[in-house]
Amino acid sequence: QWMQINQHLPYWQFWADGSYLTLNVIDEPALRNLEREGVYMFSIDIKSESSNFWSYFTDVEQKRHWQKFLPPVIADRHQRRARTEAELRSQGYTIDTSYQDPPILALGNGARPA
């Protein structure tokens, strides 16, 4: 049933002490038959803090100095998230506002982004 209503398969992201883990659920489209049980695989990706944030940039110079270029990117993502949450609240969804972003150790003393 959830395959029929979900456009995207779920993924989870975890972090601890500057390490980032992403767990993806993957289905095999060739085997997707809603009349029988599906085939699912899982992908686990573990990254260091720097390699996690390198992926935010395509420019080599920005990747090299990601700590300098990251704060405006994070601020933009926070604004986008706030707009999306406000839109969802207006549609009747309940938003868990207790979530806090992981500290970005490379930005200094485990500081959380603004």
PDB file of N, CA and C in Angstrom:
ATOM      1  N   GLN A   1       0.815  -1.200   0.000  1.00  0.00           N
ATOM      2  CA  GLN A   1       0.000   0.000   0.000  1.00  0.00           C
ATOM      3  C   GLN A   1       0.856   1.261   0.000  1.00  0.00           C
ATOM      4  N   TRP A   2       1.902   1.276   0.802  1.00  0.00           N
ATOM      5  CA  TRP A   2       2.704   2.495   0.885  1.00  0.00           C
ATOM      6  C   TRP A   2       3.431   2.763  -0.423  1.00  0.00           C
ATOM      7  N   MET A   3       3.695   1.731  -1.223  1.00  0.00           N
ATOM      8  CA  MET A   3       4.336   1.946  -2.524  1.00  0.00           C
ATOM      9  C   MET A   3       3.413   2.739  -3.440  1.00  0.00           C
ATOM     10  N   GLN A   4       2.111   2.585  -3.275  1.00  0.00           N
ATOM     11  CA  GLN A   4       1.164   3.296  -4.118  1.00  0.00           C
ATOM     12  C   GLN A   4       1.038   4.766  -3.741  1.00  0.00           C
ATOM     13  N   ILE A   5       1.264   5.112  -2.485  1.00  0.00           N
ATOM     14  CA  ILE A   5       1.056   6.495  -2.064  1.00  0.00           C
ATOM     15  C   ILE A   5       2.346   7.300  -1.931  1.00  0.00           C
ATOM     16  N   ASN A   6       3.492   6.641  -1.877  1.00  0.00           N
ATOM     17  CA  ASN A   6       4.758   7.359  -1.723  1.00  0.00           C
ATOM     18  C   ASN A   6       5.456   7.524  -3.059  1.00  0.00           C
ATOM     19  N   GLN A   7       5.742   8.784  -3.389  1.00  0.00           N
ATOM     20  CA  GLN A   7       6.496   9.059  -4.602  1.00  0.00           C
ATOM     21  C   GLN A   7       7.958   8.651  -4.434  1.00  0.00           C
ATOM     22  N   HIS A   8       8.476   8.881  -3.260  1.00  0.00           N
ATOM     23  CA  HIS A   8       9.889   8.620  -2.989  1.00  0.00           C
ATOM     24  C   HIS A   8      10.004   7.599  -1.866  1.00  0.00           C
ATOM     25  N   LEU A   9      10.950   6.721  -2.005  1.00  0.00           N
ATOM     26  CA  LEU A   9      11.179   5.740  -0.951  1.00  0.00           C
ATOM     27  C   LEU A   9      11.862   6.421   0.231  1.00  0.00           C
ATOM     28  N   PRO A  10      11.629   5.928   1.427  1.00  0.00           N
ATOM     29  CA  PRO A  10      12.146   6.606   2.622  1.00  0.00           C
ATOM     30  C   PRO A  10      13.656   6.474   2.784  1.00  0.00           C
ATOM     31  N   TYR A  11      14.217   7.453   3.472  1.00  0.00           N
ATOM     32  CA  TYR A  11      15.611   7.387   3.891  1.00  0.00           C
ATOM     33  C   TYR A  11      15.720   8.064   5.248  1.00  0.00           C
ATOM     34  N   TRP A  12      16.724   7.661   5.981  1.00  0.00           N
ATOM     35  CA  TRP A  12      16.961   8.228   7.307  1.00  0.00           C
ATOM     36  C   TRP A  12      18.405   8.686   7.379  1.00  0.00           C
ATOM     37  N   GLN A  13      18.626   9.768   8.113  1.00  0.00           N
ATOM     38  CA  GLN A  13      19.981  10.275   8.316  1.00  0.00           C
ATOM     39  C   GLN A  13      20.241  10.351   9.816  1.00  0.00           C
ATOM     40  N   PHE A  14      21.416   9.862  10.197  1.00  0.00           N
ATOM     41  CA  PHE A  14      21.829   9.862  11.594  1.00  0.00           C
ATOM     42  C   PHE A  14      23.209  10.512  11.681  1.00  0.00           C
ATOM     43  N   TRP A  15      23.526  11.037  12.833  1.00  0.00           N
ATOM     44  CA  TRP A  15      24.846  11.628  13.030  1.00  0.00           C
ATOM     45  C   TRP A  15      25.287  11.414  14.466  1.00  0.00           C
ATOM     46  N   ALA A  16      26.599  11.395  14.635  1.00  0.00           N
ATOM     47  CA  ALA A  16      27.200  11.338  15.969  1.00  0.00           C
ATOM     48  C   ALA A  16      28.666  11.713  15.848  1.00  0.00           C
ATOM     49  N   ASP A  17      29.101  12.635  16.661  1.00  0.00           N
ATOM     50  CA  ASP A  17      30.523  12.985  16.778  1.00  0.00           C
ATOM     51  C   ASP A  17      31.194  13.236  15.430  1.00  0.00           C
ATOM     52  N   GLY A  18      30.548  13.995  14.557  1.00  0.00           N
ATOM     53  CA  GLY A  18      31.154  14.341  13.275  1.00  0.00           C
ATOM     54  C   GLY A  18      31.070  13.256  12.224  1.00  0.00           C
ATOM     55  N   SER A  19      30.317  12.206  12.476  1.00  0.00           N
ATOM     56  CA  SER A  19      30.103  11.150  11.487  1.00  0.00           C
ATOM     57  C   SER A  19      28.638  11.158  11.077  1.00  0.00           C
ATOM     58  N   TYR A  20      28.402  10.870   9.793  1.00  0.00           N
ATOM     59  CA  TYR A  20      27.055  10.921   9.247  1.00  0.00           C
ATOM     60  C   TYR A  20      26.736   9.592   8.568  1.00  0.00           C
ATOM     61  N   LEU A  21      25.557   9.057   8.872  1.00  0.00           N
ATOM     62  CA  LEU A  21      25.122   7.798   8.298  1.00  0.00           C
ATOM     63  C   LEU A  21      23.776   8.031   7.618  1.00  0.00           C
ATOM     64  N   THR A  22      23.663   7.585   6.380  1.00  0.00           N
ATOM     65  CA  THR A  22      22.398   7.656   5.648  1.00  0.00           C
ATOM     66  C   THR A  22      21.964   6.240   5.309  1.00  0.00           C
ATOM     67  N   LEU A  23      20.720   5.921   5.614  1.00  0.00           N
ATOM     68  CA  LEU A  23      20.147   4.617   5.315  1.00  0.00           C
ATOM     69  C   LEU A  23      19.021   4.835   4.310  1.00  0.00           C
ATOM     70  N   ASN A  24      19.165   4.239   3.127  1.00  0.00           N
ATOM     71  CA  ASN A  24      18.167   4.354   2.062  1.00  0.00           C
ATOM     72  C   ASN A  24      17.457   3.027   1.872  1.00  0.00           C
ATOM     73  N   VAL A  25      16.152   3.105   1.634  1.00  0.00           N
ATOM     74  CA  VAL A  25      15.386   1.935   1.217  1.00  0.00           C
ATOM     75  C   VAL A  25      15.294   2.013  -0.302  1.00  0.00           C
ATOM     76  N   ILE A  26      15.617   0.917  -0.953  1.00  0.00           N
ATOM     77  CA  ILE A  26      15.619   0.879  -2.416  1.00  0.00           C
ATOM     78  C   ILE A  26      14.734  -0.288  -2.838  1.00  0.00           C
ATOM     79  N   ASP A  27      13.870  -0.025  -3.803  1.00  0.00           N
ATOM     80  CA  ASP A  27      13.120  -1.151  -4.363  1.00  0.00           C
ATOM     81  C   ASP A  27      13.602  -1.365  -5.791  1.00  0.00           C
ATOM     82  N   GLU A  28      13.318  -2.500  -6.318  1.00  0.00           N
ATOM     83  CA  GLU A  28      13.724  -2.835  -7.679  1.00  0.00           C
ATOM     84  C   GLU A  28      12.518  -2.606  -8.589  1.00  0.00           C
ATOM     85  N   PRO A  29      12.527  -1.512  -9.375  1.00  0.00           N
ATOM     86  CA  PRO A  29      11.357  -1.197 -10.195  1.00  0.00           C
ATOM     87  C   PRO A  29      10.944  -2.341 -11.119  1.00  0.00           C
ATOM     88  N   ALA A  30      11.906  -3.095 -11.626  1.00  0.00           N
ATOM     89  CA  ALA A  30      11.572  -4.212 -12.520  1.00  0.00           C
ATOM     90  C   ALA A  30      10.786  -5.291 -11.780  1.00  0.00           C
ATOM     91  N   LEU A  31      10.927  -5.337 -10.468  1.00  0.00           N
ATOM     92  CA  LEU A  31      10.231  -6.349  -9.683  1.00  0.00           C
ATOM     93  C   LEU A  31       9.005  -5.775  -8.967  1.00  0.00           C
ATOM     94  N   ARG A  32       8.685  -4.516  -9.235  1.00  0.00           N
ATOM     95  CA  ARG A  32       7.565  -3.864  -8.553  1.00  0.00           C
ATOM     96  C   ARG A  32       6.248  -4.400  -9.123  1.00  0.00           C
ATOM     97  N   ASN A  33       5.603  -5.185  -8.342  1.00  0.00           N
ATOM     98  CA  ASN A  33       4.318  -5.756  -8.707  1.00  0.00           C
ATOM     99  C   ASN A  33       3.422  -5.579  -7.492  1.00  0.00           C
ATOM    100  N   LEU A  34       2.451  -4.712  -7.615  1.00  0.00           N
ATOM    101  CA  LEU A  34       1.602  -4.389  -6.469  1.00  0.00           C
ATOM    102  C   LEU A  34       0.711  -5.550  -6.046  1.00  0.00           C
ATOM    103  N   GLU A  35       0.703  -6.617  -6.825  1.00  0.00           N
ATOM    104  CA  GLU A  35      -0.111  -7.789  -6.497  1.00  0.00           C
ATOM    105  C   GLU A  35       0.619  -8.761  -5.567  1.00  0.00           C
ATOM    106  N   ARG A  36       1.936  -8.560  -5.372  1.00  0.00           N
ATOM    107  CA  ARG A  36       2.675  -9.465  -4.499  1.00  0.00           C
ATOM    108  C   ARG A  36       3.688  -8.667  -3.681  1.00  0.00           C
ATOM    109  N   GLU A  37       4.314  -9.342  -2.732  1.00  0.00           N
ATOM    110  CA  GLU A  37       5.290  -8.666  -1.877  1.00  0.00           C
ATOM    111  C   GLU A  37       6.440  -8.134  -2.714  1.00  0.00           C
ATOM    112  N   GLY A  38       6.996  -7.012  -2.274  1.00  0.00           N
ATOM    113  CA  GLY A  38       8.068  -6.377  -3.023  1.00  0.00           C
ATOM    114  C   GLY A  38       9.440  -6.887  -2.643  1.00  0.00           C
ATOM    115  N   VAL A  39      10.412  -6.429  -3.398  1.00  0.00           N
ATOM    116  CA  VAL A  39      11.809  -6.731  -3.133  1.00  0.00           C
ATOM    117  C   VAL A  39      12.460  -5.425  -2.707  1.00  0.00           C
ATOM    118  N   TYR A  40      13.084  -5.421  -1.548  1.00  0.00           N
ATOM    119  CA  TYR A  40      13.687  -4.205  -1.031  1.00  0.00           C
ATOM    120  C   TYR A  40      15.147  -4.444  -0.707  1.00  0.00           C
ATOM    121  N   MET A  41      15.936  -3.432  -0.964  1.00  0.00           N
ATOM    122  CA  MET A  41      17.344  -3.455  -0.594  1.00  0.00           C
ATOM    123  C   MET A  41      17.599  -2.214   0.251  1.00  0.00           C
ATOM    124  N   PHE A  42      18.696  -2.241   0.968  1.00  0.00           N
ATOM    125  CA  PHE A  42      19.061  -1.098   1.793  1.00  0.00           C
ATOM    126  C   PHE A  42      20.457  -0.650   1.416  1.00  0.00           C
ATOM    127  N   SER A  43      20.646   0.636   1.389  1.00  0.00           N
ATOM    128  CA  SER A  43      21.948   1.216   1.116  1.00  0.00           C
ATOM    129  C   SER A  43      22.369   1.991   2.362  1.00  0.00           C
ATOM    130  N   ILE A  44      23.570   1.748   2.835  1.00  0.00           N
ATOM    131  CA  ILE A  44      24.095   2.456   4.000  1.00  0.00           C
ATOM    132  C   ILE A  44      25.335   3.220   3.567  1.00  0.00           C
ATOM    133  N   ASP A  45      25.336   4.518   3.834  1.00  0.00           N
ATOM    134  CA  ASP A  45      26.452   5.381   3.458  1.00  0.00           C
ATOM    135  C   ASP A  45      26.963   6.064   4.724  1.00  0.00           C
ATOM    136  N   ILE A  46      28.240   5.902   5.011  1.00  0.00           N
ATOM    137  CA  ILE A  46      28.850   6.529   6.187  1.00  0.00           C
ATOM    138  C   ILE A  46      29.895   7.522   5.710  1.00  0.00           C
ATOM    139  N   LYS A  47      29.801   8.750   6.204  1.00  0.00           N
ATOM    140  CA  LYS A  47      30.711   9.813   5.776  1.00  0.00           C
ATOM    141  C   LYS A  47      31.277  10.557   6.981  1.00  0.00           C
ATOM    142  N   SER A  48      32.442  11.125   6.760  1.00  0.00           N
ATOM    143  CA  SER A  48      33.003  12.053   7.743  1.00  0.00           C
ATOM    144  C   SER A  48      32.256  13.379   7.614  1.00  0.00           C
ATOM    145  N   GLU A  49      32.467  14.248   8.562  1.00  0.00           N
ATOM    146  CA  GLU A  49      31.823  15.561   8.509  1.00  0.00           C
ATOM    147  C   GLU A  49      32.202  16.308   7.234  1.00  0.00           C
ATOM    148  N   SER A  50      33.476  16.348   6.908  1.00  0.00           N
ATOM    149  CA  SER A  50      33.892  17.100   5.719  1.00  0.00           C
ATOM    150  C   SER A  50      33.313  16.497   4.445  1.00  0.00           C
ATOM    151  N   SER A  51      33.368  15.179   4.286  1.00  0.00           N
ATOM    152  CA  SER A  51      32.822  14.603   3.055  1.00  0.00           C
ATOM    153  C   SER A  51      31.305  14.746   2.996  1.00  0.00           C
ATOM    154  N   ASN A  52      30.636  14.793   4.127  1.00  0.00           N
ATOM    155  CA  ASN A  52      29.196  15.041   4.131  1.00  0.00           C
ATOM    156  C   ASN A  52      28.896  16.419   3.565  1.00  0.00           C
ATOM    157  N   PHE A  53      29.646  17.424   3.976  1.00  0.00           N
ATOM    158  CA  PHE A  53      29.361  18.786   3.532  1.00  0.00           C
ATOM    159  C   PHE A  53      29.995  19.132   2.194  1.00  0.00           C
ATOM    160  N   TRP A  54      31.002  18.396   1.761  1.00  0.00           N
ATOM    161  CA  TRP A  54      31.533  18.596   0.408  1.00  0.00           C
ATOM    162  C   TRP A  54      30.433  18.415  -0.618  1.00  0.00           C
ATOM    163  N   SER A  55      29.521  17.497  -0.346  1.00  0.00           N
ATOM    164  CA  SER A  55      28.466  17.193  -1.316  1.00  0.00           C
ATOM    165  C   SER A  55      27.521  18.379  -1.544  1.00  0.00           C
ATOM    166  N   TYR A  56      27.592  19.399  -0.715  1.00  0.00           N
ATOM    167  CA  TYR A  56      26.755  20.581  -0.900  1.00  0.00           C
ATOM    168  C   TYR A  56      27.274  21.473  -2.029  1.00  0.00           C
ATOM    169  N   PHE A  57      28.486  21.215  -2.497  1.00  0.00           N
ATOM    170  CA  PHE A  57      29.141  22.101  -3.459  1.00  0.00           C
ATOM    171  C   PHE A  57      29.617  21.338  -4.692  1.00  0.00           C
ATOM    172  N   THR A  58      29.656  22.037  -5.822  1.00  0.00           N
ATOM    173  CA  THR A  58      30.204  21.447  -7.039  1.00  0.00           C
ATOM    174  C   THR A  58      31.558  22.056  -7.380  1.00  0.00           C
ATOM    175  N   ASP A  59      31.773  23.290  -6.975  1.00  0.00           N
ATOM    176  CA  ASP A  59      33.023  23.997  -7.257  1.00  0.00           C
ATOM    177  C   ASP A  59      34.149  23.448  -6.375  1.00  0.00           C
ATOM    178  N   VAL A  60      35.283  23.163  -6.988  1.00  0.00           N
ATOM    179  CA  VAL A  60      36.415  22.577  -6.261  1.00  0.00           C
ATOM    180  C   VAL A  60      36.901  23.508  -5.146  1.00  0.00           C
ATOM    181  N   GLU A  61      36.953  24.788  -5.412  1.00  0.00           N
ATOM    182  CA  GLU A  61      37.408  25.751  -4.395  1.00  0.00           C
ATOM    183  C   GLU A  61      36.447  25.770  -3.209  1.00  0.00           C
ATOM    184  N   GLN A  62      35.160  25.696  -3.483  1.00  0.00           N
ATOM    185  CA  GLN A  62      34.184  25.671  -2.390  1.00  0.00           C
ATOM    186  C   GLN A  62      34.283  24.371  -1.598  1.00  0.00           C
ATOM    187  N   LYS A  63      34.535  23.263  -2.283  1.00  0.00           N
ATOM    188  CA  LYS A  63      34.727  22.003  -1.571  1.00  0.00           C
ATOM    189  C   LYS A  63      35.960  22.084  -0.666  1.00  0.00           C
ATOM    190  N   ARG A  64      37.017  22.675  -1.185  1.00  0.00           N
ATOM    191  CA  ARG A  64      38.268  22.774  -0.435  1.00  0.00           C
ATOM    192  C   ARG A  64      38.098  23.610   0.829  1.00  0.00           C
ATOM    193  N   HIS A  65      37.281  24.651   0.741  1.00  0.00           N
ATOM    194  CA  HIS A  65      37.076  25.565   1.875  1.00  0.00           C
ATOM    195  C   HIS A  65      35.604  25.558   2.295  1.00  0.00           C
ATOM    196  N   TRP A  66      35.056  24.367   2.401  1.00  0.00           N
ATOM    197  CA  TRP A  66      33.621  24.225   2.668  1.00  0.00           C
ATOM    198  C   TRP A  66      33.179  24.906   3.944  1.00  0.00           C
ATOM    199  N   GLN A  67      34.051  24.972   4.959  1.00  0.00           N
ATOM    200  CA  GLN A  67      33.681  25.598   6.233  1.00  0.00           C
ATOM    201  C   GLN A  67      33.320  27.073   6.030  1.00  0.00           C
ATOM    202  N   LYS A  68      34.022  27.739   5.116  1.00  0.00           N
ATOM    203  CA  LYS A  68      33.784  29.155   4.841  1.00  0.00           C
ATOM    204  C   LYS A  68      32.475  29.357   4.069  1.00  0.00           C
ATOM    205  N   PHE A  69      32.174  28.444   3.157  1.00  0.00           N
ATOM    206  CA  PHE A  69      31.022  28.604   2.280  1.00  0.00           C
ATOM    207  C   PHE A  69      29.737  27.966   2.827  1.00  0.00           C
ATOM    208  N   LEU A  70      29.844  27.162   3.856  1.00  0.00           N
ATOM    209  CA  LEU A  70      28.683  26.427   4.358  1.00  0.00           C
ATOM    210  C   LEU A  70      27.642  27.285   5.089  1.00  0.00           C
ATOM    211  N   PRO A  71      28.015  28.228   5.950  1.00  0.00           N
ATOM    212  CA  PRO A  71      26.991  28.952   6.709  1.00  0.00           C
ATOM    213  C   PRO A  71      25.872  29.567   5.872  1.00  0.00           C
ATOM    214  N   PRO A  72      26.153  30.236   4.729  1.00  0.00           N
ATOM    215  CA  PRO A  72      25.020  30.762   3.948  1.00  0.00           C
ATOM    216  C   PRO A  72      24.135  29.654   3.349  1.00  0.00           C
ATOM    217  N   VAL A  73      24.738  28.530   3.013  1.00  0.00           N
ATOM    218  CA  VAL A  73      23.965  27.409   2.475  1.00  0.00           C
ATOM    219  C   VAL A  73      23.018  26.880   3.557  1.00  0.00           C
ATOM    220  N   ILE A  74      23.536  26.714   4.759  1.00  0.00           N
ATOM    221  CA  ILE A  74      22.721  26.230   5.872  1.00  0.00           C
ATOM    222  C   ILE A  74      21.596  27.224   6.173  1.00  0.00           C
ATOM    223  N   ALA A  75      21.909  28.523   6.159  1.00  0.00           N
ATOM    224  CA  ALA A  75      20.881  29.537   6.431  1.00  0.00           C
ATOM    225  C   ALA A  75      19.772  29.465   5.379  1.00  0.00           C
ATOM    226  N   ASP A  76      20.145  29.284   4.120  1.00  0.00           N
ATOM    227  CA  ASP A  76      19.157  29.171   3.045  1.00  0.00           C
ATOM    228  C   ASP A  76      18.281  27.934   3.250  1.00  0.00           C
ATOM    229  N   ARG A  77      18.888  26.832   3.624  1.00  0.00           N
ATOM    230  CA  ARG A  77      18.114  25.598   3.851  1.00  0.00           C
ATOM    231  C   ARG A  77      17.172  25.742   5.048  1.00  0.00           C
ATOM    232  N   HIS A  78      17.596  26.477   6.062  1.00  0.00           N
ATOM    233  CA  HIS A  78      16.718  26.722   7.209  1.00  0.00           C
ATOM    234  C   HIS A  78      15.503  27.537   6.777  1.00  0.00           C
ATOM    235  N   GLN A  79      15.727  28.548   5.935  1.00  0.00           N
ATOM    236  CA  GLN A  79      14.612  29.366   5.449  1.00  0.00           C
ATOM    237  C   GLN A  79      13.654  28.532   4.602  1.00  0.00           C
ATOM    238  N   ARG A  80      14.206  27.693   3.736  1.00  0.00           N
ATOM    239  CA  ARG A  80      13.367  26.828   2.901  1.00  0.00           C
ATOM    240  C   ARG A  80      12.555  25.867   3.767  1.00  0.00           C
ATOM    241  N   ARG A  81      13.204  25.304   4.796  1.00  0.00           N
ATOM    242  CA  ARG A  81      12.500  24.384   5.684  1.00  0.00           C
ATOM    243  C   ARG A  81      11.375  25.114   6.417  1.00  0.00           C
ATOM    244  N   ALA A  82      11.636  26.338   6.891  1.00  0.00           N
ATOM    245  CA  ALA A  82      10.608  27.116   7.599  1.00  0.00           C
ATOM    246  C   ALA A  82       9.421  27.391   6.682  1.00  0.00           C
ATOM    247  N   ARG A  83       9.678  27.748   5.425  1.00  0.00           N
ATOM    248  CA  ARG A  83       8.581  27.992   4.482  1.00  0.00           C
ATOM    249  C   ARG A  83       7.780  26.713   4.226  1.00  0.00           C
ATOM    250  N   THR A  84       8.486  25.601   4.028  1.00  0.00           N
ATOM    251  CA  THR A  84       7.807  24.324   3.774  1.00  0.00           C
ATOM    252  C   THR A  84       6.981  23.901   4.981  1.00  0.00           C
ATOM    253  N   GLU A  85       7.546  24.054   6.186  1.00  0.00           N
ATOM    254  CA  GLU A  85       6.803  23.688   7.396  1.00  0.00           C
ATOM    255  C   GLU A  85       5.566  24.559   7.563  1.00  0.00           C
ATOM    256  N   ALA A  86       5.684  25.854   7.272  1.00  0.00           N
ATOM    257  CA  ALA A  86       4.530  26.752   7.382  1.00  0.00           C
ATOM    258  C   ALA A  86       3.442  26.335   6.391  1.00  0.00           C
ATOM    259  N   GLU A  87       3.845  25.981   5.190  1.00  0.00           N
ATOM    260  CA  GLU A  87       2.884  25.530   4.182  1.00  0.00           C
ATOM    261  C   GLU A  87       2.189  24.242   4.633  1.00  0.00           C
ATOM    262  N   LEU A  88       2.956  23.309   5.171  1.00  0.00           N
ATOM    263  CA  LEU A  88       2.372  22.048   5.635  1.00  0.00           C
ATOM    264  C   LEU A  88       1.447  22.257   6.830  1.00  0.00           C
ATOM    265  N   ARG A  89       1.844  23.163   7.748  1.00  0.00           N
ATOM    266  CA  ARG A  89       0.967  23.469   8.897  1.00  0.00           C
ATOM    267  C   ARG A  89      -0.372  24.032   8.405  1.00  0.00           C
ATOM    268  N   SER A  90      -0.309  24.880   7.362  1.00  0.00           N
ATOM    269  CA  SER A  90      -1.550  25.459   6.832  1.00  0.00           C
ATOM    270  C   SER A  90      -2.447  24.399   6.201  1.00  0.00           C
ATOM    271  N   GLN A  91      -1.859  23.246   5.849  1.00  0.00           N
ATOM    272  CA  GLN A  91      -2.623  22.127   5.288  1.00  0.00           C
ATOM    273  C   GLN A  91      -3.084  21.156   6.382  1.00  0.00           C
ATOM    274  N   GLY A  92      -2.762  21.483   7.647  1.00  0.00           N
ATOM    275  CA  GLY A  92      -3.229  20.661   8.755  1.00  0.00           C
ATOM    276  C   GLY A  92      -2.220  19.664   9.298  1.00  0.00           C
ATOM    277  N   TYR A  93      -0.997  19.671   8.767  1.00  0.00           N
ATOM    278  CA  TYR A  93       0.024  18.752   9.272  1.00  0.00           C
ATOM    279  C   TYR A  93       0.586  19.270  10.592  1.00  0.00           C
ATOM    280  N   THR A  94       0.999  18.353  11.455  1.00  0.00           N
ATOM    281  CA  THR A  94       1.676  18.695  12.696  1.00  0.00           C
ATOM    282  C   THR A  94       3.177  18.541  12.458  1.00  0.00           C
ATOM    283  N   ILE A  95       3.939  19.536  12.805  1.00  0.00           N
ATOM    284  CA  ILE A  95       5.389  19.541  12.594  1.00  0.00           C
ATOM    285  C   ILE A  95       6.088  19.376  13.935  1.00  0.00           C
ATOM    286  N   ASP A  96       7.028  18.438  14.001  1.00  0.00           N
ATOM    287  CA  ASP A  96       7.844  18.249  15.203  1.00  0.00           C
ATOM    288  C   ASP A  96       8.900  19.354  15.221  1.00  0.00           C
ATOM    289  N   THR A  97       8.727  20.323  16.092  1.00  0.00           N
ATOM    290  CA  THR A  97       9.649  21.455  16.142  1.00  0.00           C
ATOM    291  C   THR A  97      10.789  21.243  17.134  1.00  0.00           C
ATOM    292  N   SER A  98      10.872  20.062  17.731  1.00  0.00           N
ATOM    293  CA  SER A  98      11.949  19.799  18.688  1.00  0.00           C
ATOM    294  C   SER A  98      13.250  19.391  17.986  1.00  0.00           C
ATOM    295  N   TYR A  99      13.184  19.150  16.674  1.00  0.00           N
ATOM    296  CA  TYR A  99      14.376  18.738  15.937  1.00  0.00           C
ATOM    297  C   TYR A  99      15.444  19.822  15.997  1.00  0.00           C
ATOM    298  N   GLN A 100      16.695  19.400  16.186  1.00  0.00           N
ATOM    299  CA  GLN A 100      17.831  20.313  16.116  1.00  0.00           C
ATOM    300  C   GLN A 100      18.853  19.730  15.159  1.00  0.00           C
ATOM    301  N   ASP A 101      19.419  20.595  14.327  1.00  0.00           N
ATOM    302  CA  ASP A 101      20.463  20.147  13.412  1.00  0.00           C
ATOM    303  C   ASP A 101      21.674  19.666  14.192  1.00  0.00           C
ATOM    304  N   PRO A 102      22.434  18.757  13.613  1.00  0.00           N
ATOM    305  CA  PRO A 102      23.647  18.309  14.304  1.00  0.00           C
ATOM    306  C   PRO A 102      24.670  19.439  14.402  1.00  0.00           C
ATOM    307  N   PRO A 103      25.485  19.423  15.435  1.00  0.00           N
ATOM    308  CA  PRO A 103      26.545  20.430  15.504  1.00  0.00           C
ATOM    309  C   PRO A 103      27.547  20.182  14.380  1.00  0.00           C
ATOM    310  N   ILE A 104      28.061  21.256  13.829  1.00  0.00           N
ATOM    311  CA  ILE A 104      29.082  21.139  12.788  1.00  0.00           C
ATOM    312  C   ILE A 104      30.415  21.460  13.463  1.00  0.00           C
ATOM    313  N   LEU A 105      31.136  20.403  13.781  1.00  0.00           N
ATOM    314  CA  LEU A 105      32.344  20.536  14.596  1.00  0.00           C
ATOM    315  C   LEU A 105      33.385  21.443  13.949  1.00  0.00           C
ATOM    316  N   ALA A 106      33.500  21.384  12.632  1.00  0.00           N
ATOM    317  CA  ALA A 106      34.502  22.192  11.931  1.00  0.00           C
ATOM    318  C   ALA A 106      34.206  23.685  11.973  1.00  0.00           C
ATOM    319  N   LEU A 107      32.990  24.050  12.335  1.00  0.00           N
ATOM    320  CA  LEU A 107      32.670  25.464  12.460  1.00  0.00           C
ATOM    321  C   LEU A 107      33.027  26.022  13.828  1.00  0.00           C
ATOM    322  N   GLY A 108      33.566  25.157  14.668  1.00  0.00           N
ATOM    323  CA  GLY A 108      34.094  25.636  15.942  1.00  0.00           C
ATOM    324  C   GLY A 108      33.359  25.141  17.152  1.00  0.00           C
ATOM    325  N   ASN A 109      34.048  24.334  17.941  1.00  0.00           N
ATOM    326  CA  ASN A 109      33.577  23.918  19.263  1.00  0.00           C
ATOM    327  C   ASN A 109      32.177  23.303  19.255  1.00  0.00           C
ATOM    328  N   GLY A 110      31.868  22.551  18.204  1.00  0.00           N
ATOM    329  CA  GLY A 110      30.579  21.869  18.162  1.00  0.00           C
ATOM    330  C   GLY A 110      29.403  22.812  17.981  1.00  0.00           C
ATOM    331  N   ALA A 111      29.672  24.009  17.458  1.00  0.00           N
ATOM    332  CA  ALA A 111      28.615  24.997  17.305  1.00  0.00           C
ATOM    333  C   ALA A 111      27.572  24.508  16.314  1.00  0.00           C
ATOM    334  N   ARG A 112      26.329  24.829  16.622  1.00  0.00           N
ATOM    335  CA  ARG A 112      25.248  24.524  15.689  1.00  0.00           C
ATOM    336  C   ARG A 112      25.105  25.707  14.744  1.00  0.00           C
ATOM    337  N   PRO A 113      24.749  25.429  13.489  1.00  0.00           N
ATOM    338  CA  PRO A 113      24.587  26.544  12.551  1.00  0.00           C
ATOM    339  C   PRO A 113      23.417  27.429  12.956  1.00  0.00           C
ATOM    340  N   ALA A 114      23.490  28.686  12.598  1.00  0.00           N
ATOM    341  CA  ALA A 114      22.424  29.640  12.946  1.00  0.00           C
ATOM    342  C   ALA A 114      21.162  29.367  12.164  1.00  0.00           C
TER     343      ALA A 114
END
